[in-house]
PDB file of all heavy atoms in Angstrom:
ATOM      1  N   THR A   1     -58.990 -49.581  40.122  1.00  0.00           N
ATOM      2  CA  THR A   1     -59.532 -50.015  41.398  1.00  0.00           C
ATOM      3  C   THR A   1     -59.439 -51.522  41.508  1.00  0.00           C
ATOM      4  O   THR A   1     -59.359 -52.231  40.504  1.00  0.00           O
ATOM      5  CB  THR A   1     -60.999 -49.593  41.568  1.00  0.00           C
ATOM      6  OG1 THR A   1     -61.782 -50.149  40.508  1.00  0.00           O
ATOM      7  CG2 THR A   1     -61.130 -48.077  41.548  1.00  0.00           C
ATOM      8  N   ASN A   2     -59.455 -52.003  42.734  1.00  0.00           N
ATOM      9  CA  ASN A   2     -59.530 -53.426  42.970  1.00  0.00           C
ATOM     10  C   ASN A   2     -60.344 -53.677  44.222  1.00  0.00           C
ATOM     11  O   ASN A   2     -60.415 -52.826  45.111  1.00  0.00           O
ATOM     12  CB  ASN A   2     -58.141 -54.064  43.068  1.00  0.00           C
ATOM     13  CG  ASN A   2     -57.367 -53.594  44.273  1.00  0.00           C
ATOM     14  OD1 ASN A   2     -56.820 -52.494  44.295  1.00  0.00           O
ATOM     15  ND2 ASN A   2     -57.312 -54.445  45.305  1.00  0.00           N
ATOM     16  N   TYR A   3     -60.948 -54.872  44.275  1.00  0.00           N
ATOM     17  CA  TYR A   3     -61.863 -55.215  45.354  1.00  0.00           C
ATOM     18  C   TYR A   3     -61.656 -56.641  45.798  1.00  0.00           C
ATOM     19  O   TYR A   3     -61.314 -57.521  44.998  1.00  0.00           O
ATOM     20  CB  TYR A   3     -63.315 -55.075  44.886  1.00  0.00           C
ATOM     21  CG  TYR A   3     -63.693 -53.684  44.463  1.00  0.00           C
ATOM     22  CD1 TYR A   3     -63.576 -53.287  43.137  1.00  0.00           C
ATOM     23  CD2 TYR A   3     -64.163 -52.770  45.396  1.00  0.00           C
ATOM     24  CE1 TYR A   3     -63.916 -52.005  42.750  1.00  0.00           C
ATOM     25  CE2 TYR A   3     -64.506 -51.488  45.015  1.00  0.00           C
ATOM     26  CZ  TYR A   3     -64.382 -51.105  43.693  1.00  0.00           C
ATOM     27  OH  TYR A   3     -64.724 -49.830  43.312  1.00  0.00           O
ATOM     28  N   ALA A   4     -61.900 -56.860  47.063  1.00  0.00           N
ATOM     29  CA  ALA A   4     -61.995 -58.225  47.543  1.00  0.00           C
ATOM     30  C   ALA A   4     -63.194 -58.908  46.901  1.00  0.00           C
ATOM     31  O   ALA A   4     -64.227 -58.279  46.635  1.00  0.00           O
ATOM     32  CB  ALA A   4     -62.140 -58.240  49.060  1.00  0.00           C
ATOM     33  N   ASP A   5     -63.062 -60.204  46.663  1.00  0.00           N
ATOM     34  CA  ASP A   5     -64.169 -60.945  46.060  1.00  0.00           C
ATOM     35  C   ASP A   5     -65.455 -60.818  46.871  1.00  0.00           C
ATOM     36  O   ASP A   5     -66.554 -60.781  46.309  1.00  0.00           O
ATOM     37  CB  ASP A   5     -63.802 -62.419  45.922  1.00  0.00           C
ATOM     38  CG  ASP A   5     -62.761 -62.678  44.855  1.00  0.00           C
ATOM     39  OD1 ASP A   5     -62.508 -61.790  44.015  1.00  0.00           O
ATOM     40  OD2 ASP A   5     -62.194 -63.791  44.855  1.00  0.00           O
ATOM     41  N   SER A   6     -65.320 -60.736  48.173  1.00  0.00           N
ATOM     42  CA  SER A   6     -66.481 -60.713  49.045  1.00  0.00           C
ATOM     43  C   SER A   6     -67.312 -59.435  48.919  1.00  0.00           C
ATOM     44  O   SER A   6     -68.478 -59.424  49.324  1.00  0.00           O
ATOM     45  CB  SER A   6     -66.051 -60.896  50.495  1.00  0.00           C
ATOM     46  OG  SER A   6     -65.141 -59.885  50.888  1.00  0.00           O
ATOM     47  N   VAL A   7     -66.730 -58.375  48.381  1.00  0.00           N
ATOM     48  CA  VAL A   7     -67.453 -57.110  48.256  1.00  0.00           C
ATOM     49  C   VAL A   7     -67.663 -56.690  46.813  1.00  0.00           C
ATOM     50  O   VAL A   7     -68.343 -55.681  46.561  1.00  0.00           O
ATOM     51  CB  VAL A   7     -66.757 -55.980  49.035  1.00  0.00           C
ATOM     52  CG1 VAL A   7     -66.500 -56.399  50.472  1.00  0.00           C
ATOM     53  CG2 VAL A   7     -65.469 -55.544  48.358  1.00  0.00           C
ATOM     54  N   MET A   8     -67.118 -57.428  45.893  1.00  0.00           N
ATOM     55  CA  MET A   8     -67.234 -57.089  44.477  1.00  0.00           C
ATOM     56  C   MET A   8     -68.698 -56.941  44.083  1.00  0.00           C
ATOM     57  O   MET A   8     -69.538 -57.798  44.382  1.00  0.00           O
ATOM     58  CB  MET A   8     -66.571 -58.170  43.634  1.00  0.00           C
ATOM     59  CG  MET A   8     -66.545 -57.868  42.142  1.00  0.00           C
ATOM     60  SD  MET A   8     -65.302 -56.627  41.713  1.00  0.00           S
ATOM     61  CE  MET A   8     -63.802 -57.580  41.981  1.00  0.00           C
ATOM     62  N   GLY A   9     -68.999 -55.848  43.413  1.00  0.00           N
ATOM     63  CA  GLY A   9     -70.348 -55.589  42.962  1.00  0.00           C
ATOM     64  C   GLY A   9     -71.221 -54.889  43.975  1.00  0.00           C
ATOM     65  O   GLY A   9     -72.305 -54.405  43.622  1.00  0.00           O
ATOM     66  N   ARG A  10     -70.785 -54.841  45.222  1.00  0.00           N
ATOM     67  CA  ARG A  10     -71.552 -54.186  46.277  1.00  0.00           C
ATOM     68  C   ARG A  10     -70.893 -52.906  46.774  1.00  0.00           C
ATOM     69  O   ARG A  10     -71.580 -51.962  47.145  1.00  0.00           O
ATOM     70  CB  ARG A  10     -71.759 -55.127  47.465  1.00  0.00           C
ATOM     71  CG  ARG A  10     -72.514 -56.394  47.106  1.00  0.00           C
ATOM     72  CD  ARG A  10     -72.860 -57.207  48.354  1.00  0.00           C
ATOM     73  NE  ARG A  10     -71.655 -57.654  49.061  1.00  0.00           N
ATOM     74  CZ  ARG A  10     -71.356 -57.329  50.315  1.00  0.00           C
ATOM     75  NH1 ARG A  10     -72.179 -56.562  51.034  1.00  0.00           N
ATOM     76  NH2 ARG A  10     -70.245 -57.791  50.876  1.00  0.00           N
ATOM     77  N   PHE A  11     -69.570 -52.902  46.799  1.00  0.00           N
ATOM     78  CA  PHE A  11     -68.818 -51.759  47.295  1.00  0.00           C
ATOM     79  C   PHE A  11     -68.154 -51.039  46.133  1.00  0.00           C
ATOM     80  O   PHE A  11     -67.726 -51.668  45.159  1.00  0.00           O
ATOM     81  CB  PHE A  11     -67.725 -52.197  48.269  1.00  0.00           C
ATOM     82  CG  PHE A  11     -68.196 -52.712  49.598  1.00  0.00           C
ATOM     83  CD1 PHE A  11     -69.524 -53.030  49.842  1.00  0.00           C
ATOM     84  CD2 PHE A  11     -67.275 -52.877  50.619  1.00  0.00           C
ATOM     85  CE1 PHE A  11     -69.937 -53.511  51.073  1.00  0.00           C
ATOM     86  CE2 PHE A  11     -67.670 -53.359  51.856  1.00  0.00           C
ATOM     87  CZ  PHE A  11     -69.006 -53.682  52.085  1.00  0.00           C
ATOM     88  N   THR A  12     -68.020 -49.732  46.264  1.00  0.00           N
ATOM     89  CA  THR A  12     -67.327 -48.928  45.272  1.00  0.00           C
ATOM     90  C   THR A  12     -66.367 -47.983  45.974  1.00  0.00           C
ATOM     91  O   THR A  12     -66.776 -47.209  46.841  1.00  0.00           O
ATOM     92  CB  THR A  12     -68.303 -48.109  44.418  1.00  0.00           C
ATOM     93  OG1 THR A  12     -69.236 -48.983  43.779  1.00  0.00           O
ATOM     94  CG2 THR A  12     -67.546 -47.322  43.351  1.00  0.00           C
ATOM     95  N   ILE A  13     -65.111 -48.049  45.595  1.00  0.00           N
ATOM     96  CA  ILE A  13     -64.123 -47.112  46.106  1.00  0.00           C
ATOM     97  C   ILE A  13     -63.968 -45.973  45.103  1.00  0.00           C
ATOM     98  O   ILE A  13     -63.992 -46.192  43.887  1.00  0.00           O
ATOM     99  CB  ILE A  13     -62.780 -47.810  46.395  1.00  0.00           C
ATOM    100  CG1 ILE A  13     -61.819 -46.867  47.126  1.00  0.00           C
ATOM    101  CG2 ILE A  13     -62.155 -48.374  45.131  1.00  0.00           C
ATOM    102  CD1 ILE A  13     -60.571 -47.567  47.666  1.00  0.00           C
ATOM    103  N   SER A  14     -63.833 -44.770  45.617  1.00  0.00           N
ATOM    104  CA  SER A  14     -63.639 -43.609  44.767  1.00  0.00           C
ATOM    105  C   SER A  14     -62.807 -42.591  45.526  1.00  0.00           C
ATOM    106  O   SER A  14     -62.539 -42.748  46.727  1.00  0.00           O
ATOM    107  CB  SER A  14     -64.988 -43.010  44.334  1.00  0.00           C
ATOM    108  OG  SER A  14     -65.727 -42.555  45.453  1.00  0.00           O
ATOM    109  N   ARG A  15     -62.399 -41.560  44.831  1.00  0.00           N
ATOM    110  CA  ARG A  15     -61.635 -40.519  45.506  1.00  0.00           C
ATOM    111  C   ARG A  15     -61.901 -39.171  44.877  1.00  0.00           C
ATOM    112  O   ARG A  15     -62.275 -39.071  43.701  1.00  0.00           O
ATOM    113  CB  ARG A  15     -60.138 -40.837  45.492  1.00  0.00           C
ATOM    114  CG  ARG A  15     -59.490 -40.815  44.125  1.00  0.00           C
ATOM    115  CD  ARG A  15     -58.112 -41.474  44.166  1.00  0.00           C
ATOM    116  NE  ARG A  15     -57.172 -40.730  44.990  1.00  0.00           N
ATOM    117  CZ  ARG A  15     -56.070 -41.248  45.526  1.00  0.00           C
ATOM    118  NH1 ARG A  15     -55.759 -42.531  45.328  1.00  0.00           N
ATOM    119  NH2 ARG A  15     -55.274 -40.485  46.267  1.00  0.00           N
ATOM    120  N   ASP A  16     -61.700 -38.152  45.674  1.00  0.00           N
ATOM    121  CA  ASP A  16     -61.776 -36.776  45.223  1.00  0.00           C
ATOM    122  C   ASP A  16     -60.464 -36.133  45.635  1.00  0.00           C
ATOM    123  O   ASP A  16     -60.278 -35.758  46.795  1.00  0.00           O
ATOM    124  CB  ASP A  16     -62.973 -36.068  45.843  1.00  0.00           C
ATOM    125  CG  ASP A  16     -63.162 -34.665  45.303  1.00  0.00           C
ATOM    126  OD1 ASP A  16     -62.222 -34.094  44.723  1.00  0.00           O
ATOM    127  OD2 ASP A  16     -64.278 -34.128  45.466  1.00  0.00           O
ATOM    128  N   ASN A  17     -59.561 -36.030  44.692  1.00  0.00           N
ATOM    129  CA  ASN A  17     -58.238 -35.526  45.032  1.00  0.00           C
ATOM    130  C   ASN A  17     -58.247 -34.051  45.423  1.00  0.00           C
ATOM    131  O   ASN A  17     -57.367 -33.604  46.157  1.00  0.00           O
ATOM    132  CB  ASN A  17     -57.269 -35.770  43.879  1.00  0.00           C
ATOM    133  CG  ASN A  17     -56.871 -37.230  43.769  1.00  0.00           C
ATOM    134  OD1 ASN A  17     -57.050 -38.015  44.707  1.00  0.00           O
ATOM    135  ND2 ASN A  17     -56.322 -37.609  42.630  1.00  0.00           N
ATOM    136  N   ALA A  18     -59.219 -33.308  44.945  1.00  0.00           N
ATOM    137  CA  ALA A  18     -59.341 -31.913  45.345  1.00  0.00           C
ATOM    138  C   ALA A  18     -59.702 -31.781  46.819  1.00  0.00           C
ATOM    139  O   ALA A  18     -59.450 -30.740  47.426  1.00  0.00           O
ATOM    140  CB  ALA A  18     -60.375 -31.198  44.485  1.00  0.00           C
ATOM    141  N   LYS A  19     -60.315 -32.820  47.384  1.00  0.00           N
ATOM    142  CA  LYS A  19     -60.693 -32.825  48.793  1.00  0.00           C
ATOM    143  C   LYS A  19     -59.805 -33.714  49.641  1.00  0.00           C
ATOM    144  O   LYS A  19     -60.069 -33.879  50.834  1.00  0.00           O
ATOM    145  CB  LYS A  19     -62.146 -33.273  48.940  1.00  0.00           C
ATOM    146  CG  LYS A  19     -63.151 -32.345  48.295  1.00  0.00           C
ATOM    147  CD  LYS A  19     -64.564 -32.856  48.500  1.00  0.00           C
ATOM    148  CE  LYS A  19     -65.576 -31.910  47.884  1.00  0.00           C
ATOM    149  NZ  LYS A  19     -66.965 -32.406  48.058  1.00  0.00           N
ATOM    150  N   ASN A  20     -58.781 -34.304  49.046  1.00  0.00           N
ATOM    151  CA  ASN A  20     -57.903 -35.234  49.756  1.00  0.00           C
ATOM    152  C   ASN A  20     -58.699 -36.329  50.461  1.00  0.00           C
ATOM    153  O   ASN A  20     -58.397 -36.714  51.598  1.00  0.00           O
ATOM    154  CB  ASN A  20     -57.021 -34.501  50.768  1.00  0.00           C
ATOM    155  CG  ASN A  20     -55.866 -33.767  50.125  1.00  0.00           C
ATOM    156  OD1 ASN A  20     -55.764 -33.656  48.901  1.00  0.00           O
ATOM    157  ND2 ASN A  20     -54.963 -33.254  50.954  1.00  0.00           N
ATOM    158  N   THR A  21     -59.697 -36.844  49.775  1.00  0.00           N
ATOM    159  CA  THR A  21     -60.624 -37.778  50.395  1.00  0.00           C
ATOM    160  C   THR A  21     -60.806 -39.016  49.536  1.00  0.00           C
ATOM    161  O   THR A  21     -60.956 -38.914  48.310  1.00  0.00           O
ATOM    162  CB  THR A  21     -61.980 -37.109  50.641  1.00  0.00           C
ATOM    163  OG1 THR A  21     -61.796 -35.966  51.485  1.00  0.00           O
ATOM    164  CG2 THR A  21     -62.945 -38.065  51.327  1.00  0.00           C
ATOM    165  N   VAL A  22     -60.810 -40.162  50.188  1.00  0.00           N
ATOM    166  CA  VAL A  22     -61.167 -41.416  49.555  1.00  0.00           C
ATOM    167  C   VAL A  22     -62.448 -41.917  50.206  1.00  0.00           C
ATOM    168  O   VAL A  22     -62.642 -41.763  51.417  1.00  0.00           O
ATOM    169  CB  VAL A  22     -60.022 -42.449  49.645  1.00  0.00           C
ATOM    170  CG1 VAL A  22     -59.673 -42.777  51.089  1.00  0.00           C
ATOM    171  CG2 VAL A  22     -60.356 -43.712  48.863  1.00  0.00           C
ATOM    172  N   TYR A  23     -63.311 -42.506  49.398  1.00  0.00           N
ATOM    173  CA  TYR A  23     -64.615 -42.961  49.845  1.00  0.00           C
ATOM    174  C   TYR A  23     -64.765 -44.460  49.641  1.00  0.00           C
ATOM    175  O   TYR A  23     -64.138 -45.056  48.767  1.00  0.00           O
ATOM    176  CB  TYR A  23     -65.730 -42.279  49.054  1.00  0.00           C
ATOM    177  CG  TYR A  23     -65.691 -40.776  49.101  1.00  0.00           C
ATOM    178  CD1 TYR A  23     -65.074 -40.052  48.089  1.00  0.00           C
ATOM    179  CD2 TYR A  23     -66.277 -40.085  50.150  1.00  0.00           C
ATOM    180  CE1 TYR A  23     -65.036 -38.671  48.123  1.00  0.00           C
ATOM    181  CE2 TYR A  23     -66.247 -38.701  50.192  1.00  0.00           C
ATOM    182  CZ  TYR A  23     -65.630 -38.002  49.181  1.00  0.00           C
ATOM    183  OH  TYR A  23     -65.597 -36.620  49.210  1.00  0.00           O
ATOM    184  N   LEU A  24     -65.622 -45.036  50.432  1.00  0.00           N
ATOM    185  CA  LEU A  24     -66.055 -46.402  50.208  1.00  0.00           C
ATOM    186  C   LEU A  24     -67.569 -46.432  50.311  1.00  0.00           C
ATOM    187  O   LEU A  24     -68.124 -46.316  51.412  1.00  0.00           O
ATOM    188  CB  LEU A  24     -65.431 -47.365  51.219  1.00  0.00           C
ATOM    189  CG  LEU A  24     -65.701 -48.845  50.968  1.00  0.00           C
ATOM    190  CD1 LEU A  24     -65.017 -49.307  49.679  1.00  0.00           C
ATOM    191  CD2 LEU A  24     -65.247 -49.692  52.147  1.00  0.00           C
ATOM    192  N   GLN A  25     -68.217 -46.532  49.168  1.00  0.00           N
ATOM    193  CA  GLN A  25     -69.662 -46.675  49.124  1.00  0.00           C
ATOM    194  C   GLN A  25     -69.998 -48.147  49.300  1.00  0.00           C
ATOM    195  O   GLN A  25     -69.555 -48.986  48.511  1.00  0.00           O
ATOM    196  CB  GLN A  25     -70.216 -46.166  47.801  1.00  0.00           C
ATOM    197  CG  GLN A  25     -71.722 -46.308  47.654  1.00  0.00           C
ATOM    198  CD  GLN A  25     -72.490 -45.431  48.600  1.00  0.00           C
ATOM    199  OE1 GLN A  25     -72.177 -44.247  48.740  1.00  0.00           O
ATOM    200  NE2 GLN A  25     -73.493 -45.986  49.275  1.00  0.00           N
ATOM    201  N   MET A  26     -70.772 -48.450  50.306  1.00  0.00           N
ATOM    202  CA  MET A  26     -71.107 -49.821  50.644  1.00  0.00           C
ATOM    203  C   MET A  26     -72.601 -50.007  50.499  1.00  0.00           C
ATOM    204  O   MET A  26     -73.384 -49.401  51.235  1.00  0.00           O
ATOM    205  CB  MET A  26     -70.661 -50.155  52.068  1.00  0.00           C
ATOM    206  CG  MET A  26     -69.184 -49.884  52.318  1.00  0.00           C
ATOM    207  SD  MET A  26     -68.640 -50.434  53.956  1.00  0.00           S
ATOM    208  CE  MET A  26     -69.626 -49.345  54.979  1.00  0.00           C
ATOM    209  N   ASN A  27     -72.987 -50.830  49.560  1.00  0.00           N
ATOM    210  CA  ASN A  27     -74.389 -51.131  49.305  1.00  0.00           C
ATOM    211  C   ASN A  27     -74.669 -52.597  49.596  1.00  0.00           C
ATOM    212  O   ASN A  27     -73.761 -53.413  49.673  1.00  0.00           O
ATOM    213  CB  ASN A  27     -74.744 -50.820  47.853  1.00  0.00           C
ATOM    214  CG  ASN A  27     -74.561 -49.372  47.492  1.00  0.00           C
ATOM    215  OD1 ASN A  27     -74.780 -48.483  48.310  1.00  0.00           O
ATOM    216  ND2 ASN A  27     -74.189 -49.121  46.236  1.00  0.00           N
ATOM    217  N   SER A  28     -75.940 -52.911  49.716  1.00  0.00           N
ATOM    218  CA  SER A  28     -76.369 -54.294  49.948  1.00  0.00           C
ATOM    219  C   SER A  28     -75.598 -54.931  51.090  1.00  0.00           C
ATOM    220  O   SER A  28     -75.109 -56.060  50.994  1.00  0.00           O
ATOM    221  CB  SER A  28     -76.218 -55.125  48.668  1.00  0.00           C
ATOM    222  OG  SER A  28     -76.964 -54.560  47.611  1.00  0.00           O
ATOM    223  N   LEU A  29     -75.506 -54.209  52.172  1.00  0.00           N
ATOM    224  CA  LEU A  29     -74.679 -54.658  53.287  1.00  0.00           C
ATOM    225  C   LEU A  29     -75.225 -55.930  53.920  1.00  0.00           C
ATOM    226  O   LEU A  29     -76.439 -56.128  54.015  1.00  0.00           O
ATOM    227  CB  LEU A  29     -74.554 -53.556  54.321  1.00  0.00           C
ATOM    228  CG  LEU A  29     -73.566 -52.458  53.925  1.00  0.00           C
ATOM    229  CD1 LEU A  29     -73.818 -51.191  54.721  1.00  0.00           C
ATOM    230  CD2 LEU A  29     -72.130 -52.944  54.130  1.00  0.00           C
ATOM    231  N   LYS A  30     -74.297 -56.760  54.335  1.00  0.00           N
ATOM    232  CA  LYS A  30     -74.593 -58.040  54.961  1.00  0.00           C
ATOM    233  C   LYS A  30     -74.039 -58.055  56.372  1.00  0.00           C
ATOM    234  O   LYS A  30     -73.081 -57.343  56.671  1.00  0.00           O
ATOM    235  CB  LYS A  30     -73.947 -59.176  54.164  1.00  0.00           C
ATOM    236  CG  LYS A  30     -74.327 -59.232  52.700  1.00  0.00           C
ATOM    237  CD  LYS A  30     -73.528 -60.302  51.980  1.00  0.00           C
ATOM    238  CE  LYS A  30     -73.892 -60.368  50.513  1.00  0.00           C
ATOM    239  NZ  LYS A  30     -73.099 -61.399  49.804  1.00  0.00           N
ATOM    240  N   PRO A  31     -74.600 -58.876  57.241  1.00  0.00           N
ATOM    241  CA  PRO A  31     -74.043 -58.973  58.596  1.00  0.00           C
ATOM    242  C   PRO A  31     -72.556 -59.283  58.612  1.00  0.00           C
ATOM    243  O   PRO A  31     -71.838 -58.781  59.491  1.00  0.00           O
ATOM    244  CB  PRO A  31     -74.859 -60.094  59.230  1.00  0.00           C
ATOM    245  CG  PRO A  31     -76.177 -60.014  58.531  1.00  0.00           C
ATOM    246  CD  PRO A  31     -75.845 -59.651  57.112  1.00  0.00           C
ATOM    247  N   GLU A  32     -72.084 -60.066  57.664  1.00  0.00           N
ATOM    248  CA  GLU A  32     -70.672 -60.401  57.623  1.00  0.00           C
ATOM    249  C   GLU A  32     -69.773 -59.236  57.225  1.00  0.00           C
ATOM    250  O   GLU A  32     -68.547 -59.350  57.280  1.00  0.00           O
ATOM    251  CB  GLU A  32     -70.405 -61.606  56.708  1.00  0.00           C
ATOM    252  CG  GLU A  32     -71.018 -61.481  55.331  1.00  0.00           C
ATOM    253  CD  GLU A  32     -72.352 -62.197  55.204  1.00  0.00           C
ATOM    254  OE1 GLU A  32     -73.202 -62.041  56.099  1.00  0.00           O
ATOM    255  OE2 GLU A  32     -72.546 -62.925  54.210  1.00  0.00           O
ATOM    256  N   ASP A  33     -70.369 -58.114  56.816  1.00  0.00           N
ATOM    257  CA  ASP A  33     -69.600 -56.898  56.577  1.00  0.00           C
ATOM    258  C   ASP A  33     -69.298 -56.143  57.861  1.00  0.00           C
ATOM    259  O   ASP A  33     -68.552 -55.154  57.825  1.00  0.00           O
ATOM    260  CB  ASP A  33     -70.347 -55.967  55.621  1.00  0.00           C
ATOM    261  CG  ASP A  33     -70.526 -56.559  54.233  1.00  0.00           C
ATOM    262  OD1 ASP A  33     -69.576 -57.172  53.717  1.00  0.00           O
ATOM    263  OD2 ASP A  33     -71.623 -56.389  53.666  1.00  0.00           O
ATOM    264  N   THR A  34     -69.876 -56.566  58.952  1.00  0.00           N
ATOM    265  CA  THR A  34     -69.614 -55.924  60.231  1.00  0.00           C
ATOM    266  C   THR A  34     -68.128 -55.987  60.547  1.00  0.00           C
ATOM    267  O   THR A  34     -67.520 -57.063  60.553  1.00  0.00           O
ATOM    268  CB  THR A  34     -70.419 -56.597  61.343  1.00  0.00           C
ATOM    269  OG1 THR A  34     -71.811 -56.380  61.108  1.00  0.00           O
ATOM    270  CG2 THR A  34     -70.056 -56.028  62.707  1.00  0.00           C
ATOM    271  N   ALA A  35     -67.541 -54.829  60.800  1.00  0.00           N
ATOM    272  CA  ALA A  35     -66.104 -54.751  61.019  1.00  0.00           C
ATOM    273  C   ALA A  35     -65.739 -53.325  61.367  1.00  0.00           C
ATOM    274  O   ALA A  35     -66.534 -52.394  61.198  1.00  0.00           O
ATOM    275  CB  ALA A  35     -65.338 -55.171  59.759  1.00  0.00           C
ATOM    276  N   VAL A  36     -64.516 -53.164  61.815  1.00  0.00           N
ATOM    277  CA  VAL A  36     -63.902 -51.847  61.855  1.00  0.00           C
ATOM    278  C   VAL A  36     -63.207 -51.642  60.518  1.00  0.00           C
ATOM    279  O   VAL A  36     -62.405 -52.474  60.090  1.00  0.00           O
ATOM    280  CB  VAL A  36     -62.916 -51.701  63.016  1.00  0.00           C
ATOM    281  CG1 VAL A  36     -62.283 -50.315  63.010  1.00  0.00           C
ATOM    282  CG2 VAL A  36     -63.618 -51.958  64.344  1.00  0.00           C
ATOM    283  N   TYR A  37     -63.524 -50.550  59.869  1.00  0.00           N
ATOM    284  CA  TYR A  37     -62.966 -50.241  58.562  1.00  0.00           C
ATOM    285  C   TYR A  37     -61.875 -49.193  58.706  1.00  0.00           C
ATOM    286  O   TYR A  37     -62.055 -48.175  59.377  1.00  0.00           O
ATOM    287  CB  TYR A  37     -64.061 -49.739  57.618  1.00  0.00           C
ATOM    288  CG  TYR A  37     -64.938 -50.857  57.114  1.00  0.00           C
ATOM    289  CD1 TYR A  37     -65.866 -51.465  57.952  1.00  0.00           C
ATOM    290  CD2 TYR A  37     -64.821 -51.323  55.807  1.00  0.00           C
ATOM    291  CE1 TYR A  37     -66.658 -52.515  57.502  1.00  0.00           C
ATOM    292  CE2 TYR A  37     -65.613 -52.366  55.350  1.00  0.00           C
ATOM    293  CZ  TYR A  37     -66.528 -52.961  56.196  1.00  0.00           C
ATOM    294  OH  TYR A  37     -67.315 -53.998  55.742  1.00  0.00           O
ATOM    295  N   TYR A  38     -60.756 -49.452  58.048  1.00  0.00           N
ATOM    296  CA  TYR A  38     -59.573 -48.607  58.161  1.00  0.00           C
ATOM    297  C   TYR A  38     -59.124 -48.106  56.798  1.00  0.00           C
ATOM    298  O   TYR A  38     -59.076 -48.869  55.828  1.00  0.00           O
ATOM    299  CB  TYR A  38     -58.406 -49.387  58.757  1.00  0.00           C
ATOM    300  CG  TYR A  38     -58.621 -49.888  60.164  1.00  0.00           C
ATOM    301  CD1 TYR A  38     -59.162 -51.139  60.392  1.00  0.00           C
ATOM    302  CD2 TYR A  38     -58.272 -49.107  61.261  1.00  0.00           C
ATOM    303  CE1 TYR A  38     -59.350 -51.616  61.682  1.00  0.00           C
ATOM    304  CE2 TYR A  38     -58.451 -49.571  62.549  1.00  0.00           C
ATOM    305  CZ  TYR A  38     -58.994 -50.830  62.757  1.00  0.00           C
ATOM    306  OH  TYR A  38     -59.169 -51.294  64.034  1.00  0.00           O
ATOM    307  N   CYS A  39     -58.753 -46.864  56.755  1.00  0.00           N
ATOM    308  CA  CYS A  39     -58.107 -46.259  55.606  1.00  0.00           C
ATOM    309  C   CYS A  39     -56.596 -46.434  55.743  1.00  0.00           C
ATOM    310  O   CYS A  39     -56.051 -46.371  56.857  1.00  0.00           O
ATOM    311  CB  CYS A  39     -58.484 -44.781  55.575  1.00  0.00           C
ATOM    312  SG  CYS A  39     -57.859 -43.820  54.214  1.00  0.00           S
ATOM    313  N   HIS A  40     -55.915 -46.651  54.618  1.00  0.00           N
ATOM    314  CA  HIS A  40     -54.487 -46.937  54.653  1.00  0.00           C
ATOM    315  C   HIS A  40     -53.786 -46.344  53.450  1.00  0.00           C
ATOM    316  O   HIS A  40     -54.346 -46.304  52.357  1.00  0.00           O
ATOM    317  CB  HIS A  40     -54.271 -48.456  54.676  1.00  0.00           C
ATOM    318  CG  HIS A  40     -52.840 -48.872  54.681  1.00  0.00           C
ATOM    319  ND1 HIS A  40     -52.177 -49.218  53.520  1.00  0.00           N
ATOM    320  CD2 HIS A  40     -51.942 -49.005  55.684  1.00  0.00           C
ATOM    321  CE1 HIS A  40     -50.939 -49.551  53.812  1.00  0.00           C
ATOM    322  NE2 HIS A  40     -50.769 -49.433  55.131  1.00  0.00           N
TER     323      HIS A  40
END
């Protein structure tokens, strides 16, 4: 995994290949995290 410095320690990316799903767990959210989030 890799993370932007701005989210390191707060966000966790994971996946469940059996469900064809990737997740982004976002904790300790800050106003500057406000955005449209896109999967790619």
